[in-house]
Amino acid sequence: FHDPLQDSLFSNASSVQGFREWSGRSSPQPTVEHTRSEDPLARTLLV
C-alpha cells in the first residue's frame, strides 16, 4: 500500500538495479543495514 522506493530519488527504484543504487549496495548480498531516511510525509496533496 505504500512503497517508499517510489518517493526516492531514483525513478527506477522498484527495479533490481534501482533498489541497489538506492540502498547503496553493489550486490544482492545485504552488506550493510539500510535505514530509509526520506521523510514519508514530505510529499503532500491539497485536500
All heavy atoms as atom14 arrays in JSON, in Angstrom:
{
  "sequence": "FHDPLQDSLFSNASSVQGFREWSGRSSPQPTVEHTRSEDPLARTLLV",
  "atom14_mask": [
    [1, 1, 1, 1, 1, 1, 1, 1, 1, 1, 1, 0, 0, 0],
    [1, 1, 1, 1, 1, 1, 1, 1, 1, 1, 0, 0, 0, 0],
    [1, 1, 1, 1, 1, 1, 1, 1, 0, 0, 0, 0, 0, 0],
    [1, 1, 1, 1, 1, 1, 1, 0, 0, 0, 0, 0, 0, 0],
    [1, 1, 1, 1, 1, 1, 1, 1, 0, 0, 0, 0, 0, 0],
    [1, 1, 1, 1, 1, 1, 1, 1, 1, 0, 0, 0, 0, 0],
    [1, 1, 1, 1, 1, 1, 1, 1, 0, 0, 0, 0, 0, 0],
    [1, 1, 1, 1, 1, 1, 0, 0, 0, 0, 0, 0, 0, 0],
    [1, 1, 1, 1, 1, 1, 1, 1, 0, 0, 0, 0, 0, 0],
    [1, 1, 1, 1, 1, 1, 1, 1, 1, 1, 1, 0, 0, 0],
    [1, 1, 1, 1, 1, 1, 0, 0, 0, 0, 0, 0, 0, 0],
    [1, 1, 1, 1, 1, 1, 1, 1, 0, 0, 0, 0, 0, 0],
    [1, 1, 1, 1, 1, 0, 0, 0, 0, 0, 0, 0, 0, 0],
    [1, 1, 1, 1, 1, 1, 0, 0, 0, 0, 0, 0, 0, 0],
    [1, 1, 1, 1, 1, 1, 0, 0, 0, 0, 0, 0, 0, 0],
    [1, 1, 1, 1, 1, 1, 1, 0, 0, 0, 0, 0, 0, 0],
    [1, 1, 1, 1, 1, 1, 1, 1, 1, 0, 0, 0, 0, 0],
    [1, 1, 1, 1, 0, 0, 0, 0, 0, 0, 0, 0, 0, 0],
    [1, 1, 1, 1, 1, 1, 1, 1, 1, 1, 1, 0, 0, 0],
    [1, 1, 1, 1, 1, 1, 1, 1, 1, 1, 1, 0, 0, 0],
    [1, 1, 1, 1, 1, 1, 1, 1, 1, 0, 0, 0, 0, 0],
    [1, 1, 1, 1, 1, 1, 1, 1, 1, 1, 1, 1, 1, 1],
    [1, 1, 1, 1, 1, 1, 0, 0, 0, 0, 0, 0, 0, 0],
    [1, 1, 1, 1, 0, 0, 0, 0, 0, 0, 0, 0, 0, 0],
    [1, 1, 1, 1, 1, 1, 1, 1, 1, 1, 1, 0, 0, 0],
    [1, 1, 1, 1, 1, 1, 0, 0, 0, 0, 0, 0, 0, 0],
    [1, 1, 1, 1, 1, 1, 0, 0, 0, 0, 0, 0, 0, 0],
    [1, 1, 1, 1, 1, 1, 1, 0, 0, 0, 0, 0, 0, 0],
    [1, 1, 1, 1, 1, 1, 1, 1, 1, 0, 0, 0, 0, 0],
    [1, 1, 1, 1, 1, 1, 1, 0, 0, 0, 0, 0, 0, 0],
    [1, 1, 1, 1, 1, 1, 1, 0, 0, 0, 0, 0, 0, 0],
    [1, 1, 1, 1, 1, 1, 1, 0, 0, 0, 0, 0, 0, 0],
    [1, 1, 1, 1, 1, 1, 1, 1, 1, 0, 0, 0, 0, 0],
    [1, 1, 1, 1, 1, 1, 1, 1, 1, 1, 0, 0, 0, 0],
    [1, 1, 1, 1, 1, 1, 1, 0, 0, 0, 0, 0, 0, 0],
    [1, 1, 1, 1, 1, 1, 1, 1, 1, 1, 1, 0, 0, 0],
    [1, 1, 1, 1, 1, 1, 0, 0, 0, 0, 0, 0, 0, 0],
    [1, 1, 1, 1, 1, 1, 1, 1, 1, 0, 0, 0, 0, 0],
    [1, 1, 1, 1, 1, 1, 1, 1, 0, 0, 0, 0, 0, 0],
    [1, 1, 1, 1, 1, 1, 1, 0, 0, 0, 0, 0, 0, 0],
    [1, 1, 1, 1, 1, 1, 1, 1, 0, 0, 0, 0, 0, 0],
    [1, 1, 1, 1, 1, 0, 0, 0, 0, 0, 0, 0, 0, 0],
    [1, 1, 1, 1, 1, 1, 1, 1, 1, 1, 1, 0, 0, 0],
    [1, 1, 1, 1, 1, 1, 1, 0, 0, 0, 0, 0, 0, 0],
    [1, 1, 1, 1, 1, 1, 1, 1, 0, 0, 0, 0, 0, 0],
    [1, 1, 1, 1, 1, 1, 1, 1, 0, 0, 0, 0, 0, 0],
    [1, 1, 1, 1, 1, 1, 1, 0, 0, 0, 0, 0, 0, 0]
  ],
  "atom14_positions": [
    [[0.81, -1.22, 0.0], [0.0, 0.0, 0.0], [0.85, 1.27, 0.0], [0.36, 2.33, -0.36], [-0.91, 0.02, 1.23], [-2.04, -0.96, 1.16], [-2.05, -2.09, 1.97], [-3.1, -0.77, 0.28], [-3.09, -3.0, 1.9], [-4.14, -1.67, 0.2], [-4.13, -2.8, 1.02], [0.0, 0.0, 0.0], [0.0, 0.0, 0.0], [0.0, 0.0, 0.0]],
    [[2.11, 1.15, 0.42], [2.98, 2.34, 0.39], [4.41, 1.89, 0.19], [5.01, 1.25, 1.06], [2.87, 3.13, 1.69], [3.78, 4.33, 1.72], [3.74, 5.31, 0.75], [4.77, 4.69, 2.57], [4.65, 6.23, 1.01], [5.29, 5.88, 2.11], [0.0, 0.0, 0.0], [0.0, 0.0, 0.0], [0.0, 0.0, 0.0], [0.0, 0.0, 0.0]],
    [[4.95, 2.22, -0.97], [6.31, 1.83, -1.33], [7.21, 3.06, -1.28], [7.17, 3.89, -2.19], [6.31, 1.23, -2.73], [7.69, 0.74, -3.15], [8.59, 0.73, -2.29], [7.87, 0.38, -4.32], [0.0, 0.0, 0.0], [0.0, 0.0, 0.0], [0.0, 0.0, 0.0], [0.0, 0.0, 0.0], [0.0, 0.0, 0.0], [0.0, 0.0, 0.0]],
    [[8.04, 3.2, -0.23], [8.92, 4.39, -0.14], [9.86, 4.51, -1.32], [10.34, 5.61, -1.61], [9.69, 4.14, 1.17], [8.86, 3.18, 1.95], [8.2, 2.31, 0.92], [0.0, 0.0, 0.0], [0.0, 0.0, 0.0], [0.0, 0.0, 0.0], [0.0, 0.0, 0.0], [0.0, 0.0, 0.0], [0.0, 0.0, 0.0], [0.0, 0.0, 0.0]],
    [[10.13, 3.41, -2.01], [11.03, 3.49, -3.16], [10.47, 4.41, -4.24], [11.22, 5.03, -4.99], [11.24, 2.09, -3.75], [11.97, 1.07, -2.87], [12.07, -0.25, -3.6], [13.34, 1.57, -2.47], [0.0, 0.0, 0.0], [0.0, 0.0, 0.0], [0.0, 0.0, 0.0], [0.0, 0.0, 0.0], [0.0, 0.0, 0.0], [0.0, 0.0, 0.0]],
    [[9.15, 4.51, -4.35], [8.55, 5.37, -5.36], [8.82, 6.84, -5.07], [8.76, 7.68, -5.97], [7.04, 5.13, -5.42], [6.65, 3.73, -5.86], [7.15, 3.4, -7.25], [7.25, 4.27, -8.11], [7.5, 2.14, -7.47], [0.0, 0.0, 0.0], [0.0, 0.0, 0.0], [0.0, 0.0, 0.0], [0.0, 0.0, 0.0], [0.0, 0.0, 0.0]],
    [[9.1, 7.18, -3.81], [9.38, 8.56, -3.45], [10.87, 8.83, -3.34], [11.29, 9.89, -2.9], [8.72, 8.91, -2.11], [7.25, 9.2, -2.28], [6.87, 9.55, -3.41], [6.49, 9.08, -1.31], [0.0, 0.0, 0.0], [0.0, 0.0, 0.0], [0.0, 0.0, 0.0], [0.0, 0.0, 0.0], [0.0, 0.0, 0.0], [0.0, 0.0, 0.0]],
    [[11.69, 7.83, -3.7], [13.14, 8.03, -3.63], [13.61, 8.87, -4.8], [12.84, 9.21, -5.7], [13.86, 6.68, -3.64], [13.78, 6.1, -4.93], [0.0, 0.0, 0.0], [0.0, 0.0, 0.0], [0.0, 0.0, 0.0], [0.0, 0.0, 0.0], [0.0, 0.0, 0.0], [0.0, 0.0, 0.0], [0.0, 0.0, 0.0], [0.0, 0.0, 0.0]],
    [[14.88, 9.16, -4.82], [15.44, 9.99, -5.89], [15.58, 9.21, -7.2], [15.85, 9.79, -8.24], [16.81, 10.53, -5.46], [16.8, 11.46, -4.25], [18.22, 11.88, -3.9], [15.94, 12.68, -4.52], [0.0, 0.0, 0.0], [0.0, 0.0, 0.0], [0.0, 0.0, 0.0], [0.0, 0.0, 0.0], [0.0, 0.0, 0.0], [0.0, 0.0, 0.0]],
    [[15.42, 7.89, -7.13], [15.59, 7.06, -8.32], [14.24, 6.68, -8.88], [13.45, 6.02, -8.22], [16.4, 5.8, -7.99], [17.79, 6.11, -7.5], [18.07, 6.17, -6.14], [18.81, 6.36, -8.4], [19.34, 6.46, -5.7], [20.09, 6.65, -7.96], [20.37, 6.71, -6.61], [0.0, 0.0, 0.0], [0.0, 0.0, 0.0], [0.0, 0.0, 0.0]],
    [[13.97, 7.12, -10.1], [12.67, 6.83, -10.7], [12.49, 5.35, -10.99], [11.39, 4.86, -11.1], [12.5, 7.62, -12.0], [13.5, 7.26, -12.92], [0.0, 0.0, 0.0], [0.0, 0.0, 0.0], [0.0, 0.0, 0.0], [0.0, 0.0, 0.0], [0.0, 0.0, 0.0], [0.0, 0.0, 0.0], [0.0, 0.0, 0.0], [0.0, 0.0, 0.0]],
    [[13.62, 4.6, -11.11], [13.52, 3.17, -11.38], [13.84, 2.36, -10.13], [14.37, 1.26, -10.19], [14.47, 2.77, -12.51], [15.94, 2.96, -12.12], [16.24, 3.77, -11.25], [16.83, 2.21, -12.78], [0.0, 0.0, 0.0], [0.0, 0.0, 0.0], [0.0, 0.0, 0.0], [0.0, 0.0, 0.0], [0.0, 0.0, 0.0], [0.0, 0.0, 0.0]],
    [[13.5, 2.93, -8.96], [13.88, 2.29, -7.7], [13.16, 0.98, -7.48], [13.58, 0.18, -6.66], [13.6, 3.23, -6.53], [0.0, 0.0, 0.0], [0.0, 0.0, 0.0], [0.0, 0.0, 0.0], [0.0, 0.0, 0.0], [0.0, 0.0, 0.0], [0.0, 0.0, 0.0], [0.0, 0.0, 0.0], [0.0, 0.0, 0.0], [0.0, 0.0, 0.0]],
    [[12.07, 0.73, -8.18], [11.35, -0.53, -7.99], [11.99, -1.67, -8.77], [11.58, -2.81, -8.65], [9.89, -0.38, -8.4], [9.8, 0.04, -9.74], [0.0, 0.0, 0.0], [0.0, 0.0, 0.0], [0.0, 0.0, 0.0], [0.0, 0.0, 0.0], [0.0, 0.0, 0.0], [0.0, 0.0, 0.0], [0.0, 0.0, 0.0], [0.0, 0.0, 0.0]],
    [[13.01, -1.34, -9.6], [13.75, -2.38, -10.29], [14.89, -2.88, -9.42], [15.25, -2.26, -8.41], [14.31, -1.85, -11.62], [15.3, -0.87, -11.36], [0.0, 0.0, 0.0], [0.0, 0.0, 0.0], [0.0, 0.0, 0.0], [0.0, 0.0, 0.0], [0.0, 0.0, 0.0], [0.0, 0.0, 0.0], [0.0, 0.0, 0.0], [0.0, 0.0, 0.0]],
    [[15.5, -4.02, -9.8], [16.61, -4.57, -9.02], [17.76, -3.58, -8.96], [18.29, -3.26, -7.88], [17.07, -5.91, -9.64], [18.34, -6.39, -8.95], [15.97, -6.95, -9.51], [0.0, 0.0, 0.0], [0.0, 0.0, 0.0], [0.0, 0.0, 0.0], [0.0, 0.0, 0.0], [0.0, 0.0, 0.0], [0.0, 0.0, 0.0], [0.0, 0.0, 0.0]],
    [[18.16, -3.05, -10.13], [19.29, -2.12, -10.16], [18.98, -0.85, -9.39], [19.81, -0.33, -8.65], [19.67, -1.79, -11.61], [20.89, -0.89, -11.76], [22.14, -1.53, -11.16], [22.3, -2.75, -11.21], [23.01, -0.72, -10.59], [0.0, 0.0, 0.0], [0.0, 0.0, 0.0], [0.0, 0.0, 0.0], [0.0, 0.0, 0.0], [0.0, 0.0, 0.0]],
    [[17.76, -0.34, -9.58], [17.38, 0.88, -8.88], [17.4, 0.71, -7.38], [17.83, 1.59, -6.64], [0.0, 0.0, 0.0], [0.0, 0.0, 0.0], [0.0, 0.0, 0.0], [0.0, 0.0, 0.0], [0.0, 0.0, 0.0], [0.0, 0.0, 0.0], [0.0, 0.0, 0.0], [0.0, 0.0, 0.0], [0.0, 0.0, 0.0], [0.0, 0.0, 0.0]],
    [[16.94, -0.45, -6.9], [16.93, -0.69, -5.46], [18.35, -0.74, -4.92], [18.64, -0.21, -3.85], [16.19, -2.0, -5.15], [16.27, -2.38, -3.69], [15.5, -1.71, -2.74], [17.12, -3.38, -3.27], [15.58, -2.04, -1.4], [17.22, -3.72, -1.93], [16.44, -3.05, -1.0], [0.0, 0.0, 0.0], [0.0, 0.0, 0.0], [0.0, 0.0, 0.0]],
    [[19.26, -1.39, -5.67], [20.64, -1.48, -5.18], [21.31, -0.11, -5.13], [22.05, 0.2, -4.21], [21.44, -2.43, -6.08], [20.98, -3.89, -5.95], [21.72, -4.81, -6.9], [21.18, -6.16, -6.85], [21.54, -7.14, -7.67], [22.45, -6.9, -8.62], [21.01, -8.34, -7.56], [0.0, 0.0, 0.0], [0.0, 0.0, 0.0], [0.0, 0.0, 0.0]],
    [[21.0, 0.73, -6.14], [21.54, 2.09, -6.11], [20.99, 2.87, -4.93], [21.7, 3.58, -4.23], [21.2, 2.8, -7.44], [21.92, 2.23, -8.65], [21.46, 2.88, -9.93], [20.54, 3.72, -9.86], [22.01, 2.56, -11.0], [0.0, 0.0, 0.0], [0.0, 0.0, 0.0], [0.0, 0.0, 0.0], [0.0, 0.0, 0.0], [0.0, 0.0, 0.0]],
    [[19.68, 2.72, -4.73], [19.02, 3.46, -3.65], [19.52, 3.02, -2.28], [19.7, 3.81, -1.36], [17.51, 3.23, -3.76], [16.71, 3.8, -2.63], [16.37, 5.1, -2.43], [16.11, 3.07, -1.55], [15.61, 5.23, -1.3], [15.44, 4.0, -0.74], [16.1, 1.72, -1.2], [14.75, 3.62, 0.41], [15.41, 1.34, -0.06], [14.74, 2.28, 0.73]],
    [[19.79, 1.7, -2.14], [20.19, 1.17, -0.84], [21.69, 1.22, -0.62], [22.18, 0.92, 0.48], [19.72, -0.29, -0.71], [20.33, -1.1, -1.71], [0.0, 0.0, 0.0], [0.0, 0.0, 0.0], [0.0, 0.0, 0.0], [0.0, 0.0, 0.0], [0.0, 0.0, 0.0], [0.0, 0.0, 0.0], [0.0, 0.0, 0.0], [0.0, 0.0, 0.0]],
    [[22.45, 1.58, -1.67], [23.9, 1.68, -1.51], [24.61, 0.35, -1.67], [25.79, 0.23, -1.34], [0.0, 0.0, 0.0], [0.0, 0.0, 0.0], [0.0, 0.0, 0.0], [0.0, 0.0, 0.0], [0.0, 0.0, 0.0], [0.0, 0.0, 0.0], [0.0, 0.0, 0.0], [0.0, 0.0, 0.0], [0.0, 0.0, 0.0], [0.0, 0.0, 0.0]],
    [[23.92, -0.67, -2.17], [24.54, -1.98, -2.34], [25.05, -2.15, -3.77], [24.51, -1.57, -4.7], [23.51, -3.09, -2.07], [23.08, -3.19, -0.64], [22.4, -4.52, -0.45], [21.08, -4.35, 0.14], [20.08, -5.19, -0.07], [20.22, -6.2, -0.86], [18.92, -5.0, 0.52], [0.0, 0.0, 0.0], [0.0, 0.0, 0.0], [0.0, 0.0, 0.0]],
    [[26.04, -3.0, -3.93], [26.54, -3.32, -5.27], [26.27, -4.76, -5.64], [26.58, -5.19, -6.74], [28.05, -3.06, -5.35], [28.72, -3.84, -4.37], [0.0, 0.0, 0.0], [0.0, 0.0, 0.0], [0.0, 0.0, 0.0], [0.0, 0.0, 0.0], [0.0, 0.0, 0.0], [0.0, 0.0, 0.0], [0.0, 0.0, 0.0], [0.0, 0.0, 0.0]],
    [[25.7, -5.54, -4.72], [25.42, -6.95, -4.96], [24.13, -7.32, -4.26], [23.63, -6.58, -3.41], [26.57, -7.81, -4.44], [26.58, -7.78, -3.01], [0.0, 0.0, 0.0], [0.0, 0.0, 0.0], [0.0, 0.0, 0.0], [0.0, 0.0, 0.0], [0.0, 0.0, 0.0], [0.0, 0.0, 0.0], [0.0, 0.0, 0.0], [0.0, 0.0, 0.0]],
    [[23.61, -8.51, -4.56], [22.38, -8.94, -3.9], [22.55, -9.18, -2.4], [21.57, -9.25, -1.67], [22.02, -10.24, -4.62], [22.76, -10.2, -5.91], [24.01, -9.44, -5.63], [0.0, 0.0, 0.0], [0.0, 0.0, 0.0], [0.0, 0.0, 0.0], [0.0, 0.0, 0.0], [0.0, 0.0, 0.0], [0.0, 0.0, 0.0], [0.0, 0.0, 0.0]],
    [[23.8, -9.32, -1.94], [24.01, -9.62, -0.53], [23.81, -8.37, 0.32], [24.32, -7.29, 0.0], [25.43, -10.16, -0.3], [25.72, -11.41, -1.11], [24.75, -12.52, -0.78], [24.38, -12.72, 0.38], [24.3, -13.24, -1.8], [0.0, 0.0, 0.0], [0.0, 0.0, 0.0], [0.0, 0.0, 0.0], [0.0, 0.0, 0.0], [0.0, 0.0, 0.0]],
    [[23.11, -8.48, 1.43], [22.88, -7.33, 2.32], [24.13, -7.01, 3.11], [24.29, -7.42, 4.27], [21.74, -7.81, 3.22], [21.87, -9.3, 3.25], [22.42, -9.69, 1.92], [0.0, 0.0, 0.0], [0.0, 0.0, 0.0], [0.0, 0.0, 0.0], [0.0, 0.0, 0.0], [0.0, 0.0, 0.0], [0.0, 0.0, 0.0], [0.0, 0.0, 0.0]],
    [[25.07, -6.25, 2.49], [26.35, -5.97, 3.13], [26.22, -4.97, 4.26], [27.0, -4.98, 5.19], [27.35, -5.44, 2.1], [26.76, -4.29, 1.46], [27.63, -6.49, 1.04], [0.0, 0.0, 0.0], [0.0, 0.0, 0.0], [0.0, 0.0, 0.0], [0.0, 0.0, 0.0], [0.0, 0.0, 0.0], [0.0, 0.0, 0.0], [0.0, 0.0, 0.0]],
    [[25.24, -4.07, 4.16], [25.06, -3.09, 5.23], [23.58, -2.99, 5.54], [22.72, -3.25, 4.7], [25.58, -1.68, 4.8], [27.08, -1.69, 4.61], [24.88, -1.21, 3.53], [0.0, 0.0, 0.0], [0.0, 0.0, 0.0], [0.0, 0.0, 0.0], [0.0, 0.0, 0.0], [0.0, 0.0, 0.0], [0.0, 0.0, 0.0], [0.0, 0.0, 0.0]],
    [[23.3, -2.63, 6.78], [21.9, -2.41, 7.16], [21.51, -1.02, 6.69], [22.19, -0.03, 6.95], [21.76, -2.53, 8.68], [20.32, -2.38, 9.14], [20.18, -2.56, 10.64], [21.16, -2.96, 11.28], [19.09, -2.28, 11.15], [0.0, 0.0, 0.0], [0.0, 0.0, 0.0], [0.0, 0.0, 0.0], [0.0, 0.0, 0.0], [0.0, 0.0, 0.0]],
    [[20.4, -0.96, 5.98], [19.99, 0.32, 5.39], [18.82, 0.91, 6.18], [17.89, 0.21, 6.54], [19.57, 0.14, 3.94], [19.08, 1.41, 3.32], [19.93, 2.43, 2.96], [17.83, 1.83, 3.04], [19.22, 3.42, 2.45], [17.95, 3.09, 2.5], [0.0, 0.0, 0.0], [0.0, 0.0, 0.0], [0.0, 0.0, 0.0], [0.0, 0.0, 0.0]],
    [[18.9, 2.19, 6.43], [17.81, 2.91, 7.1], [17.24, 3.91, 6.12], [17.98, 4.74, 5.59], [18.31, 3.65, 8.35], [18.89, 2.69, 9.23], [17.16, 4.35, 9.05], [0.0, 0.0, 0.0], [0.0, 0.0, 0.0], [0.0, 0.0, 0.0], [0.0, 0.0, 0.0], [0.0, 0.0, 0.0], [0.0, 0.0, 0.0], [0.0, 0.0, 0.0]],
    [[15.93, 3.84, 5.87], [15.3, 4.77, 4.94], [15.2, 6.13, 5.6], [14.52, 6.28, 6.61], [13.92, 4.26, 4.54], [13.99, 3.0, 3.71], [12.64, 2.38, 3.53], [12.74, 1.18, 2.69], [11.77, 0.32, 2.51], [10.6, 0.51, 3.08], [11.94, -0.74, 1.75], [0.0, 0.0, 0.0], [0.0, 0.0, 0.0], [0.0, 0.0, 0.0]],
    [[15.85, 7.1, 5.01], [15.95, 8.4, 5.66], [14.94, 9.41, 5.16], [14.67, 10.41, 5.83], [17.36, 8.97, 5.44], [17.63, 9.09, 4.06], [0.0, 0.0, 0.0], [0.0, 0.0, 0.0], [0.0, 0.0, 0.0], [0.0, 0.0, 0.0], [0.0, 0.0, 0.0], [0.0, 0.0, 0.0], [0.0, 0.0, 0.0], [0.0, 0.0, 0.0]],
    [[14.38, 9.16, 3.98], [13.47, 10.16, 3.43], [12.17, 10.22, 4.24], [11.58, 9.19, 4.57], [13.15, 9.85, 1.97], [12.27, 10.93, 1.35], [12.11, 10.75, -0.13], [12.87, 9.96, -0.72], [11.24, 11.42, -0.7], [0.0, 0.0, 0.0], [0.0, 0.0, 0.0], [0.0, 0.0, 0.0], [0.0, 0.0, 0.0], [0.0, 0.0, 0.0]],
    [[11.75, 11.41, 4.55], [10.54, 11.59, 5.33], [9.32, 11.22, 4.48], [9.06, 11.87, 3.47], [10.43, 13.05, 5.78], [9.17, 13.3, 6.6], [8.48, 12.33, 6.98], [8.9, 14.48, 6.87], [0.0, 0.0, 0.0], [0.0, 0.0, 0.0], [0.0, 0.0, 0.0], [0.0, 0.0, 0.0], [0.0, 0.0, 0.0], [0.0, 0.0, 0.0]],
    [[8.55, 10.18, 4.88], [7.41, 9.78, 4.06], [6.3, 10.81, 4.04], [5.38, 10.71, 3.25], [6.95, 8.48, 4.74], [7.39, 8.6, 6.16], [8.67, 9.37, 6.09], [0.0, 0.0, 0.0], [0.0, 0.0, 0.0], [0.0, 0.0, 0.0], [0.0, 0.0, 0.0], [0.0, 0.0, 0.0], [0.0, 0.0, 0.0], [0.0, 0.0, 0.0]],
    [[6.35, 11.81, 4.94], [5.31, 12.83, 4.97], [5.66, 14.03, 4.09], [4.94, 15.01, 4.05], [5.08, 13.31, 6.41], [4.68, 12.23, 7.42], [4.46, 12.87, 8.78], [3.42, 11.51, 6.99], [0.0, 0.0, 0.0], [0.0, 0.0, 0.0], [0.0, 0.0, 0.0], [0.0, 0.0, 0.0], [0.0, 0.0, 0.0], [0.0, 0.0, 0.0]],
    [[6.84, 13.95, 3.39], [7.31, 15.12, 2.65], [6.44, 15.43, 1.43], [6.35, 16.57, 1.03], [8.75, 14.92, 2.22], [0.0, 0.0, 0.0], [0.0, 0.0, 0.0], [0.0, 0.0, 0.0], [0.0, 0.0, 0.0], [0.0, 0.0, 0.0], [0.0, 0.0, 0.0], [0.0, 0.0, 0.0], [0.0, 0.0, 0.0], [0.0, 0.0, 0.0]],
    [[5.81, 14.43, 0.85], [5.01, 14.66, -0.35], [3.54, 14.71, 0.04], [3.01, 13.79, 0.66], [5.28, 13.57, -1.38], [6.77, 13.42, -1.69], [6.99, 12.54, -2.88], [6.63, 13.24, -4.11], [6.77, 12.7, -5.32], [7.23, 11.49, -5.44], [6.42, 13.38, -6.4], [0.0, 0.0, 0.0], [0.0, 0.0, 0.0], [0.0, 0.0, 0.0]],
    [[2.9, 15.77, -0.34], [1.53, 16.0, 0.1], [0.62, 16.35, -1.07], [1.08, 16.68, -2.16], [1.46, 17.14, 1.13], [1.86, 18.36, 0.49], [2.35, 16.86, 2.33], [0.0, 0.0, 0.0], [0.0, 0.0, 0.0], [0.0, 0.0, 0.0], [0.0, 0.0, 0.0], [0.0, 0.0, 0.0], [0.0, 0.0, 0.0], [0.0, 0.0, 0.0]],
    [[-0.67, 16.29, -0.82], [-1.68, 16.73, -1.77], [-2.66, 17.64, -1.04], [-3.01, 17.39, 0.12], [-2.44, 15.55, -2.36], [-1.69, 14.7, -3.4], [-2.48, 13.45, -3.73], [-1.4, 15.49, -4.66], [0.0, 0.0, 0.0], [0.0, 0.0, 0.0], [0.0, 0.0, 0.0], [0.0, 0.0, 0.0], [0.0, 0.0, 0.0], [0.0, 0.0, 0.0]],
    [[-3.08, 18.69, -1.71], [-4.05, 19.61, -1.14], [-5.43, 18.98, -1.17], [-5.92, 18.58, -2.23], [-4.05, 20.93, -1.91], [-5.01, 22.01, -1.39], [-4.59, 22.48, 0.0], [-5.06, 23.2, -2.35], [0.0, 0.0, 0.0], [0.0, 0.0, 0.0], [0.0, 0.0, 0.0], [0.0, 0.0, 0.0], [0.0, 0.0, 0.0], [0.0, 0.0, 0.0]],
    [[-6.06, 18.9, -0.01], [-7.38, 18.28, 0.12], [-8.32, 19.26, 0.79], [-7.94, 19.96, 1.75], [-7.3, 16.98, 0.95], [-8.69, 16.39, 1.18], [-6.41, 15.96, 0.24], [0.0, 0.0, 0.0], [0.0, 0.0, 0.0], [0.0, 0.0, 0.0], [0.0, 0.0, 0.0], [0.0, 0.0, 0.0], [0.0, 0.0, 0.0], [0.0, 0.0, 0.0]]
  ]
}
